[in-house]
Amino acid sequence: MAHHSFEHTTHHGSGSGVATLSELVGRSEPRPGRPSAATVVEEDGVKVVAFEFHEGDELHEHAAPHPALIQVVRGSVDFQLPEGPVQLRPGQVLHLTEGLLHAVRALEPTTLSVTLLLH
């Protein structure tokens, strides 16, 4: 497993707000045939998880317990949705409602950012 060092920089702005900057790529090492996942942020009703895929890795059909926003940071994936497949590439965002069945297959080495809306 590759070991990476991450520097999380927190900036305090005026007022009571806080901004946190975190790396998404390389947070974990995929296992053979399956992607890996690492929680990046879990605060204020939002959970961000970074998934790392090798080409051909799959997440079999499942449903998220919360609404989710999916973005490709690098690479590309096929999402199998009830309406049919959708290819997701950098620069796009896919919104999944709570409980929507879906599956994911990486078309190349890929990093996905999954933002779960917990409220």
N, C-alpha and C. Protein backbone atom coordinates (compact mmCIF):
# COMPACT_ATOMS: atom_id res chain seq x y z
N MET A 1 0.84 -1.17 0.00
CA MET A 1 0.00 0.00 0.00
C MET A 1 0.89 1.23 0.00
N ALA A 2 0.56 2.18 -0.85
CA ALA A 2 1.33 3.41 -0.92
C ALA A 2 1.00 4.29 0.27
N HIS A 3 2.01 4.91 0.83
CA HIS A 3 1.80 5.82 1.95
C HIS A 3 1.95 7.24 1.43
N HIS A 4 0.97 8.05 1.74
CA HIS A 4 0.97 9.43 1.28
C HIS A 4 0.89 10.35 2.49
N SER A 5 1.50 11.49 2.37
CA SER A 5 1.42 12.49 3.40
C SER A 5 0.46 13.57 2.92
N PHE A 6 -0.49 13.94 3.74
CA PHE A 6 -1.45 14.97 3.38
C PHE A 6 -1.37 16.11 4.37
N GLU A 7 -1.37 17.28 3.82
CA GLU A 7 -1.39 18.45 4.67
C GLU A 7 -2.79 19.05 4.58
N HIS A 8 -3.48 19.09 5.69
CA HIS A 8 -4.81 19.68 5.74
C HIS A 8 -4.65 21.09 6.30
N THR A 9 -5.01 22.05 5.50
CA THR A 9 -4.84 23.43 5.90
C THR A 9 -6.20 24.00 6.27
N THR A 10 -6.33 24.52 7.46
CA THR A 10 -7.56 25.14 7.90
C THR A 10 -7.35 26.64 7.98
N HIS A 11 -8.23 27.37 7.34
CA HIS A 11 -8.16 28.84 7.35
C HIS A 11 -9.37 29.37 8.10
N HIS A 12 -9.14 30.25 9.03
CA HIS A 12 -10.25 30.89 9.73
C HIS A 12 -10.50 32.23 9.06
N GLY A 13 -11.73 32.44 8.64
CA GLY A 13 -12.09 33.71 8.01
C GLY A 13 -12.65 34.65 9.05
N SER A 14 -13.14 35.77 8.58
CA SER A 14 -13.79 36.68 9.52
C SER A 14 -15.11 36.06 9.94
N GLY A 15 -15.52 36.30 11.16
CA GLY A 15 -16.74 35.68 11.68
C GLY A 15 -16.41 34.31 12.25
N SER A 16 -17.40 33.42 12.26
CA SER A 16 -17.21 32.13 12.90
C SER A 16 -17.00 30.99 11.92
N GLY A 17 -16.86 31.26 10.63
CA GLY A 17 -16.70 30.21 9.63
C GLY A 17 -15.30 29.65 9.58
N VAL A 18 -15.21 28.40 9.10
CA VAL A 18 -13.92 27.73 8.94
C VAL A 18 -13.90 27.06 7.57
N ALA A 19 -12.78 27.16 6.88
CA ALA A 19 -12.59 26.48 5.60
C ALA A 19 -11.49 25.44 5.76
N THR A 20 -11.72 24.23 5.22
CA THR A 20 -10.73 23.17 5.31
C THR A 20 -10.39 22.71 3.90
N LEU A 21 -9.12 22.66 3.57
CA LEU A 21 -8.65 22.22 2.27
C LEU A 21 -8.06 20.83 2.41
N SER A 22 -8.55 19.86 1.60
CA SER A 22 -8.08 18.47 1.69
C SER A 22 -7.80 17.92 0.31
N GLU A 23 -6.80 17.05 0.21
CA GLU A 23 -6.48 16.35 -1.03
C GLU A 23 -7.49 15.22 -1.25
N LEU A 24 -7.86 14.97 -2.51
CA LEU A 24 -8.76 13.88 -2.85
C LEU A 24 -8.03 12.70 -3.49
N VAL A 25 -7.05 12.98 -4.35
CA VAL A 25 -6.37 11.94 -5.11
C VAL A 25 -5.35 11.22 -4.23
N GLY A 26 -5.34 9.89 -4.33
CA GLY A 26 -4.32 9.09 -3.64
C GLY A 26 -4.56 8.89 -2.16
N ARG A 27 -5.78 9.05 -1.69
CA ARG A 27 -6.07 8.89 -0.26
C ARG A 27 -6.00 7.43 0.19
N SER A 28 -6.20 6.50 -0.75
CA SER A 28 -6.15 5.08 -0.41
C SER A 28 -5.75 4.30 -1.66
N GLU A 29 -5.40 3.04 -1.47
CA GLU A 29 -4.94 2.18 -2.57
C GLU A 29 -6.02 1.16 -2.90
N PRO A 30 -6.47 1.08 -4.17
CA PRO A 30 -7.49 0.09 -4.53
C PRO A 30 -7.01 -1.33 -4.27
N ARG A 31 -7.95 -2.20 -3.91
CA ARG A 31 -7.66 -3.62 -3.74
C ARG A 31 -7.89 -4.31 -5.08
N PRO A 32 -7.38 -5.50 -5.29
CA PRO A 32 -7.60 -6.17 -6.58
C PRO A 32 -9.09 -6.32 -6.89
N GLY A 33 -9.50 -5.70 -8.01
CA GLY A 33 -10.87 -5.81 -8.48
C GLY A 33 -11.88 -4.92 -7.79
N ARG A 34 -11.49 -4.24 -6.73
CA ARG A 34 -12.42 -3.39 -5.98
C ARG A 34 -11.76 -2.06 -5.65
N PRO A 35 -12.51 -1.00 -5.73
CA PRO A 35 -11.94 0.30 -5.35
C PRO A 35 -11.77 0.39 -3.83
N SER A 36 -11.00 1.35 -3.41
CA SER A 36 -10.86 1.64 -1.99
C SER A 36 -11.53 2.99 -1.72
N ALA A 37 -11.79 3.26 -0.46
CA ALA A 37 -12.46 4.50 -0.09
C ALA A 37 -11.85 5.07 1.17
N ALA A 38 -11.83 6.39 1.26
CA ALA A 38 -11.35 7.09 2.45
C ALA A 38 -12.24 8.31 2.68
N THR A 39 -12.69 8.47 3.92
CA THR A 39 -13.47 9.65 4.27
C THR A 39 -12.54 10.85 4.31
N VAL A 40 -12.93 11.90 3.62
CA VAL A 40 -12.11 13.11 3.52
C VAL A 40 -12.62 14.18 4.49
N VAL A 41 -13.94 14.36 4.52
CA VAL A 41 -14.57 15.35 5.38
C VAL A 41 -15.87 14.75 5.91
N GLU A 42 -16.15 14.99 7.18
CA GLU A 42 -17.44 14.61 7.75
C GLU A 42 -17.82 15.65 8.78
N GLU A 43 -18.53 16.68 8.32
CA GLU A 43 -18.91 17.80 9.17
C GLU A 43 -20.14 18.48 8.62
N ASP A 44 -20.88 19.15 9.47
CA ASP A 44 -21.98 20.02 9.07
C ASP A 44 -22.98 19.36 8.12
N GLY A 45 -23.30 18.10 8.35
CA GLY A 45 -24.30 17.42 7.53
C GLY A 45 -23.82 16.95 6.18
N VAL A 46 -22.51 16.95 5.97
CA VAL A 46 -21.93 16.51 4.70
C VAL A 46 -20.81 15.51 4.97
N LYS A 47 -20.77 14.46 4.17
CA LYS A 47 -19.66 13.51 4.24
C LYS A 47 -19.09 13.37 2.83
N VAL A 48 -17.79 13.62 2.70
CA VAL A 48 -17.10 13.50 1.41
C VAL A 48 -16.19 12.28 1.49
N VAL A 49 -16.37 11.36 0.53
CA VAL A 49 -15.57 10.15 0.46
C VAL A 49 -14.85 10.12 -0.88
N ALA A 50 -13.54 9.85 -0.85
CA ALA A 50 -12.75 9.71 -2.08
C ALA A 50 -12.60 8.22 -2.37
N PHE A 51 -12.97 7.81 -3.59
CA PHE A 51 -12.82 6.43 -4.04
C PHE A 51 -11.70 6.37 -5.06
N GLU A 52 -10.83 5.38 -4.94
CA GLU A 52 -9.75 5.14 -5.90
C GLU A 52 -10.03 3.82 -6.63
N PHE A 53 -10.04 3.86 -7.96
CA PHE A 53 -10.30 2.70 -8.79
C PHE A 53 -9.11 2.43 -9.71
N HIS A 54 -8.77 1.14 -9.91
CA HIS A 54 -7.94 0.73 -11.03
C HIS A 54 -8.87 0.54 -12.23
N GLU A 55 -8.34 0.55 -13.43
CA GLU A 55 -9.16 0.27 -14.61
C GLU A 55 -9.85 -1.08 -14.43
N GLY A 56 -11.15 -1.13 -14.68
CA GLY A 56 -11.93 -2.35 -14.57
C GLY A 56 -12.50 -2.65 -13.19
N ASP A 57 -12.07 -1.92 -12.16
CA ASP A 57 -12.63 -2.13 -10.82
C ASP A 57 -14.12 -1.79 -10.83
N GLU A 58 -14.87 -2.51 -9.99
CA GLU A 58 -16.32 -2.31 -9.95
C GLU A 58 -16.85 -2.23 -8.53
N LEU A 59 -17.89 -1.43 -8.39
CA LEU A 59 -18.74 -1.47 -7.21
C LEU A 59 -20.06 -2.05 -7.70
N HIS A 60 -20.43 -3.22 -7.19
CA HIS A 60 -21.65 -3.87 -7.64
C HIS A 60 -22.87 -3.09 -7.17
N GLU A 61 -24.01 -3.42 -7.70
CA GLU A 61 -25.23 -2.67 -7.43
C GLU A 61 -25.46 -2.47 -5.93
N HIS A 62 -25.74 -1.22 -5.58
CA HIS A 62 -25.98 -0.83 -4.20
C HIS A 62 -26.77 0.47 -4.21
N ALA A 63 -27.20 0.92 -3.07
CA ALA A 63 -27.91 2.19 -2.94
C ALA A 63 -27.35 2.96 -1.76
N ALA A 64 -27.21 4.26 -1.92
CA ALA A 64 -26.73 5.11 -0.82
C ALA A 64 -27.90 5.44 0.10
N PRO A 65 -27.65 5.49 1.41
CA PRO A 65 -28.71 5.81 2.35
C PRO A 65 -29.06 7.31 2.40
N HIS A 66 -28.32 8.12 1.64
CA HIS A 66 -28.53 9.57 1.61
C HIS A 66 -28.40 10.06 0.17
N PRO A 67 -28.97 11.22 -0.15
CA PRO A 67 -28.70 11.81 -1.46
C PRO A 67 -27.19 12.02 -1.63
N ALA A 68 -26.71 11.90 -2.87
CA ALA A 68 -25.26 12.01 -3.12
C ALA A 68 -24.98 12.80 -4.38
N LEU A 69 -23.86 13.50 -4.37
CA LEU A 69 -23.31 14.17 -5.55
C LEU A 69 -22.02 13.46 -5.89
N ILE A 70 -21.89 12.99 -7.14
CA ILE A 70 -20.73 12.22 -7.58
C ILE A 70 -19.97 13.05 -8.61
N GLN A 71 -18.67 13.19 -8.40
CA GLN A 71 -17.81 13.89 -9.36
C GLN A 71 -16.55 13.07 -9.60
N VAL A 72 -16.11 13.05 -10.86
CA VAL A 72 -14.85 12.40 -11.21
C VAL A 72 -13.75 13.45 -11.10
N VAL A 73 -12.75 13.16 -10.30
CA VAL A 73 -11.60 14.05 -10.15
C VAL A 73 -10.60 13.78 -11.27
N ARG A 74 -10.39 12.48 -11.58
CA ARG A 74 -9.53 12.06 -12.69
C ARG A 74 -10.07 10.73 -13.20
N GLY A 75 -9.91 10.47 -14.50
CA GLY A 75 -10.35 9.21 -15.08
C GLY A 75 -11.78 9.29 -15.59
N SER A 76 -12.45 8.14 -15.68
CA SER A 76 -13.85 8.07 -16.10
C SER A 76 -14.44 6.75 -15.65
N VAL A 77 -15.76 6.77 -15.44
CA VAL A 77 -16.49 5.59 -14.99
C VAL A 77 -17.80 5.46 -15.75
N ASP A 78 -18.31 4.23 -15.79
CA ASP A 78 -19.67 3.98 -16.24
C ASP A 78 -20.52 3.77 -14.99
N PHE A 79 -21.60 4.54 -14.89
CA PHE A 79 -22.59 4.35 -13.84
C PHE A 79 -23.76 3.61 -14.46
N GLN A 80 -24.12 2.47 -13.87
CA GLN A 80 -25.31 1.75 -14.31
C GLN A 80 -26.46 2.22 -13.44
N LEU A 81 -27.42 2.91 -14.06
CA LEU A 81 -28.58 3.44 -13.36
C LEU A 81 -29.82 2.70 -13.84
N PRO A 82 -30.93 2.80 -13.13
CA PRO A 82 -32.16 2.12 -13.57
C PRO A 82 -32.57 2.50 -15.00
N GLU A 83 -32.28 3.73 -15.44
CA GLU A 83 -32.63 4.20 -16.78
C GLU A 83 -31.62 3.76 -17.83
N GLY A 84 -30.48 3.21 -17.40
CA GLY A 84 -29.44 2.80 -18.32
C GLY A 84 -28.10 3.37 -17.90
N PRO A 85 -27.03 3.06 -18.67
CA PRO A 85 -25.68 3.50 -18.29
C PRO A 85 -25.44 4.98 -18.60
N VAL A 86 -24.59 5.58 -17.76
CA VAL A 86 -24.15 6.96 -17.94
C VAL A 86 -22.64 6.97 -17.75
N GLN A 87 -21.91 7.58 -18.70
CA GLN A 87 -20.47 7.73 -18.53
C GLN A 87 -20.22 9.06 -17.84
N LEU A 88 -19.43 9.02 -16.76
CA LEU A 88 -19.13 10.22 -15.98
C LEU A 88 -17.65 10.54 -16.13
N ARG A 89 -17.37 11.81 -16.49
CA ARG A 89 -16.00 12.27 -16.72
C ARG A 89 -15.75 13.54 -15.89
N PRO A 90 -14.49 13.96 -15.78
CA PRO A 90 -14.20 15.20 -15.07
C PRO A 90 -15.00 16.37 -15.67
N GLY A 91 -15.44 17.25 -14.80
CA GLY A 91 -16.21 18.41 -15.25
C GLY A 91 -17.71 18.19 -15.19
N GLN A 92 -18.15 16.99 -14.79
CA GLN A 92 -19.58 16.69 -14.67
C GLN A 92 -19.90 16.36 -13.22
N VAL A 93 -21.18 16.50 -12.86
CA VAL A 93 -21.64 16.09 -11.55
C VAL A 93 -22.91 15.27 -11.74
N LEU A 94 -23.03 14.18 -10.98
CA LEU A 94 -24.18 13.30 -11.04
C LEU A 94 -24.86 13.33 -9.67
N HIS A 95 -26.15 13.65 -9.65
CA HIS A 95 -26.91 13.66 -8.40
C HIS A 95 -27.71 12.36 -8.31
N LEU A 96 -27.56 11.64 -7.20
CA LEU A 96 -28.32 10.42 -6.94
C LEU A 96 -29.22 10.67 -5.74
N THR A 97 -30.50 10.32 -5.89
CA THR A 97 -31.40 10.47 -4.77
C THR A 97 -31.20 9.32 -3.79
N GLU A 98 -31.64 9.52 -2.58
CA GLU A 98 -31.55 8.50 -1.54
C GLU A 98 -32.20 7.20 -2.02
N GLY A 99 -31.48 6.08 -1.86
CA GLY A 99 -32.03 4.77 -2.18
C GLY A 99 -31.96 4.36 -3.64
N LEU A 100 -31.43 5.21 -4.53
CA LEU A 100 -31.35 4.86 -5.96
C LEU A 100 -30.31 3.76 -6.18
N LEU A 101 -30.73 2.64 -6.77
CA LEU A 101 -29.79 1.56 -7.07
C LEU A 101 -28.87 1.97 -8.20
N HIS A 102 -27.59 1.66 -8.05
CA HIS A 102 -26.60 1.97 -9.08
C HIS A 102 -25.39 1.07 -8.91
N ALA A 103 -24.61 0.94 -9.98
CA ALA A 103 -23.35 0.22 -9.97
C ALA A 103 -22.33 1.08 -10.69
N VAL A 104 -21.04 0.85 -10.42
CA VAL A 104 -19.98 1.68 -10.98
C VAL A 104 -18.86 0.78 -11.52
N ARG A 105 -18.35 1.11 -12.72
CA ARG A 105 -17.20 0.40 -13.29
C ARG A 105 -16.23 1.43 -13.85
N ALA A 106 -14.96 1.34 -13.44
CA ALA A 106 -13.93 2.29 -13.90
C ALA A 106 -13.46 1.92 -15.31
N LEU A 107 -13.44 2.91 -16.18
CA LEU A 107 -12.96 2.73 -17.55
C LEU A 107 -11.46 2.93 -17.66
N GLU A 108 -10.88 3.51 -16.62
CA GLU A 108 -9.44 3.79 -16.53
C GLU A 108 -9.14 4.08 -15.06
N PRO A 109 -7.88 4.24 -14.67
CA PRO A 109 -7.61 4.62 -13.27
C PRO A 109 -8.39 5.90 -12.94
N THR A 110 -9.13 5.87 -11.84
CA THR A 110 -10.10 6.93 -11.55
C THR A 110 -10.13 7.27 -10.07
N THR A 111 -10.32 8.54 -9.79
CA THR A 111 -10.64 9.02 -8.44
C THR A 111 -12.03 9.66 -8.50
N LEU A 112 -12.94 9.16 -7.66
CA LEU A 112 -14.29 9.72 -7.54
C LEU A 112 -14.40 10.46 -6.22
N SER A 113 -15.10 11.57 -6.24
CA SER A 113 -15.48 12.26 -5.03
C SER A 113 -16.99 12.07 -4.85
N VAL A 114 -17.37 11.49 -3.71
CA VAL A 114 -18.78 11.26 -3.41
C VAL A 114 -19.13 12.12 -2.20
N THR A 115 -20.08 13.03 -2.39
CA THR A 115 -20.54 13.90 -1.32
C THR A 115 -21.92 13.44 -0.89
N LEU A 116 -22.02 12.91 0.33
CA LEU A 116 -23.30 12.47 0.87
C LEU A 116 -23.91 13.63 1.66
N LEU A 117 -25.16 13.92 1.37
CA LEU A 117 -25.90 15.01 2.04
C LEU A 117 -26.67 14.38 3.19
N LEU A 118 -26.16 14.51 4.40
CA LEU A 118 -26.66 13.76 5.55
C LEU A 118 -27.92 14.33 6.17
N HIS A 119 -28.27 15.56 5.88
CA HIS A 119 -29.50 16.15 6.46
C HIS A 119 -30.65 16.00 5.51
